[in-house]
Amino acid sequence: MDYIDKQIIALLKKNSRLTNKEIGEKIHLTGQAVGNRVNKLIEHEIIKSFTIDVRYENTQYIRLFMNSTAFSTIERVVNNFEEIETFDKVSGQACYAIVTHFSQDRLNEFIEKISKWARYSVETVVTNKLRNES
């Protein structure tokens, strides 16, 4: 991956709807050359998918600390909630790290369900402070 590939990736991360031609105009390549590079990045699994960035009303970071060895049970319970964006088994103090977008009622429901098997820590996002680069 070279500097041009990194430029293409940076532009696609900001807006995955850009056409190859639009990207090419920004980095001084033809649309076809950009398309070839994007295809190679996909082929080499450097680009895994093209996604959208949704502005959620609520975002929580939840860490789970297991009280038991019911890992498969807790995984099944957690996977039943559609508001979960990421669910990772982690090393360190917590057993799992989760990013969610629960309403307050659904967060309470989630906590009630998992409390049987795990302790938890919930951090709720108040304001996203990442600079918005255009």
Protein backbone atom coordinates (compact mmCIF):
# COMPACT_ATOMS: atom_id res chain seq x y z
CA MET A 1 0.00 0.00 0.00
CA ASP A 2 1.53 3.29 -1.07
CA TYR A 3 0.78 6.97 -0.46
CA ILE A 4 -1.84 7.13 -3.22
CA ASP A 5 -3.69 4.11 -1.79
CA LYS A 6 -3.67 5.83 1.61
CA GLN A 7 -5.15 8.97 0.02
CA ILE A 8 -7.90 6.90 -1.62
CA ILE A 9 -8.70 5.18 1.67
CA ALA A 10 -8.79 8.51 3.54
CA LEU A 11 -11.25 9.94 1.01
CA LEU A 12 -13.45 6.84 1.11
CA LYS A 13 -13.45 6.88 4.92
CA LYS A 14 -14.83 10.41 4.82
CA ASN A 15 -17.39 9.62 2.11
CA SER A 16 -17.76 6.11 0.72
CA ARG A 17 -20.20 7.42 -1.91
CA LEU A 18 -17.49 9.25 -3.87
CA THR A 19 -17.15 8.00 -7.42
CA ASN A 20 -13.81 6.87 -8.77
CA LYS A 21 -13.83 9.95 -11.00
CA GLU A 22 -14.39 12.30 -8.02
CA ILE A 23 -11.57 10.64 -6.09
CA GLY A 24 -9.33 10.84 -9.15
CA GLU A 25 -9.95 14.57 -9.48
CA LYS A 26 -8.86 15.10 -5.88
CA ILE A 27 -5.65 13.04 -6.15
CA HIS A 28 -4.84 13.68 -9.83
CA LEU A 29 -5.57 10.22 -11.27
CA THR A 30 -8.08 8.99 -13.80
CA GLY A 31 -11.26 7.38 -12.55
CA GLN A 32 -10.14 4.11 -14.13
CA ALA A 33 -6.80 4.20 -12.27
CA VAL A 34 -8.64 4.83 -8.99
CA GLY A 35 -11.03 1.96 -9.74
CA ASN A 36 -8.12 -0.40 -10.38
CA ARG A 37 -6.47 0.61 -7.11
CA VAL A 38 -9.73 0.24 -5.15
CA ASN A 39 -10.26 -3.24 -6.64
CA LYS A 40 -6.73 -4.26 -5.59
CA LEU A 41 -7.35 -2.93 -2.08
CA ILE A 42 -10.54 -5.00 -1.92
CA GLU A 43 -8.80 -8.06 -3.37
CA HIS A 44 -6.04 -7.82 -0.74
CA GLU A 45 -8.70 -7.31 1.97
CA ILE A 46 -7.32 -3.91 2.95
CA ILE A 47 -10.79 -2.51 2.22
CA LYS A 48 -13.22 -4.93 3.87
CA SER A 49 -16.50 -3.11 3.22
CA PHE A 50 -18.14 0.18 2.34
CA THR A 51 -20.35 1.46 5.13
CA ILE A 52 -22.42 4.40 6.20
CA ASP A 53 -22.00 6.56 9.29
CA VAL A 54 -25.28 6.84 11.17
CA ARG A 55 -25.86 9.61 13.70
CA TYR A 56 -27.36 7.79 16.67
CA GLU A 57 -29.39 9.49 19.36
CA ASN A 58 -27.65 7.48 22.10
CA THR A 59 -24.31 5.69 22.30
CA GLN A 60 -23.00 3.67 25.22
CA TYR A 61 -19.72 1.88 25.87
CA ILE A 62 -20.39 -1.15 28.03
CA ARG A 63 -17.82 -3.43 29.64
CA LEU A 64 -18.91 -6.80 30.97
CA PHE A 65 -17.12 -8.57 33.83
CA MET A 66 -18.25 -12.19 34.05
CA ASN A 67 -19.48 -13.59 37.40
CA SER A 68 -19.67 -17.10 35.99
CA THR A 69 -18.39 -19.24 33.14
CA ALA A 70 -21.63 -18.87 31.16
CA PHE A 71 -19.83 -17.25 28.22
CA SER A 72 -21.96 -18.86 25.51
CA THR A 73 -25.16 -17.88 27.37
CA ILE A 74 -24.15 -14.23 27.73
CA GLU A 75 -23.05 -14.14 24.08
CA ARG A 76 -26.44 -15.49 23.00
CA VAL A 77 -28.30 -12.95 25.17
CA VAL A 78 -26.22 -10.00 23.95
CA ASN A 79 -26.58 -11.00 20.29
CA ASN A 80 -30.38 -10.80 20.64
CA PHE A 81 -30.26 -7.01 21.00
CA GLU A 82 -30.35 -5.22 17.63
CA GLU A 83 -29.01 -1.96 19.12
CA ILE A 84 -25.55 -3.46 19.54
CA GLU A 85 -22.97 -2.10 17.09
CA THR A 86 -19.90 -4.04 18.26
CA PHE A 87 -19.48 -6.94 20.67
CA ASP A 88 -15.90 -8.00 21.33
CA LYS A 89 -14.28 -10.48 23.69
CA VAL A 90 -11.31 -8.58 25.15
CA SER A 91 -8.29 -9.10 27.37
CA GLY A 92 -7.67 -6.96 30.43
CA GLN A 93 -10.05 -6.32 33.32
CA ALA A 94 -13.27 -6.81 31.34
CA CYS A 95 -14.31 -9.94 29.49
CA TYR A 96 -16.34 -8.13 26.81
CA ALA A 97 -16.48 -4.61 25.35
CA ILE A 98 -19.69 -3.50 23.67
CA VAL A 99 -20.75 -0.37 21.75
CA THR A 100 -24.51 0.11 21.84
CA HIS A 101 -27.22 2.58 20.84
CA PHE A 102 -29.92 1.88 23.43
CA SER A 103 -32.80 4.08 24.50
CA GLN A 104 -32.95 4.35 28.30
CA ASP A 105 -35.72 1.73 28.51
CA ARG A 106 -33.85 -0.74 26.32
CA LEU A 107 -30.61 -0.12 28.25
CA ASN A 108 -32.45 -0.99 31.47
CA GLU A 109 -33.84 -4.14 29.83
CA PHE A 110 -30.35 -5.11 28.63
CA ILE A 111 -28.84 -4.60 32.08
CA GLU A 112 -31.56 -6.68 33.72
CA LYS A 113 -30.92 -9.55 31.27
CA ILE A 114 -27.13 -9.64 31.67
CA SER A 115 -26.97 -9.00 35.43
CA LYS A 116 -27.56 -12.69 36.11
CA TRP A 117 -24.15 -13.59 34.63
CA ALA A 118 -22.06 -10.41 34.62
CA ARG A 119 -21.25 -7.13 36.31
CA TYR A 120 -21.10 -4.16 33.99
CA SER A 121 -19.81 -0.65 33.49
CA VAL A 122 -21.77 1.73 31.26
CA GLU A 123 -20.35 4.96 29.84
CA THR A 124 -22.84 7.10 27.90
CA VAL A 125 -21.59 9.49 25.22
CA VAL A 126 -22.60 13.07 25.96
CA THR A 127 -20.85 14.80 23.05
CA ASN A 128 -18.70 13.43 20.23
CA LYS A 129 -15.55 15.55 20.20
CA LEU A 130 -13.93 14.16 17.05
CA ARG A 131 -13.24 17.03 14.67
CA ASN A 132 -15.37 16.97 11.57
CA GLU A 133 -12.99 17.27 8.63
CA SER A 134 -14.52 18.15 5.28
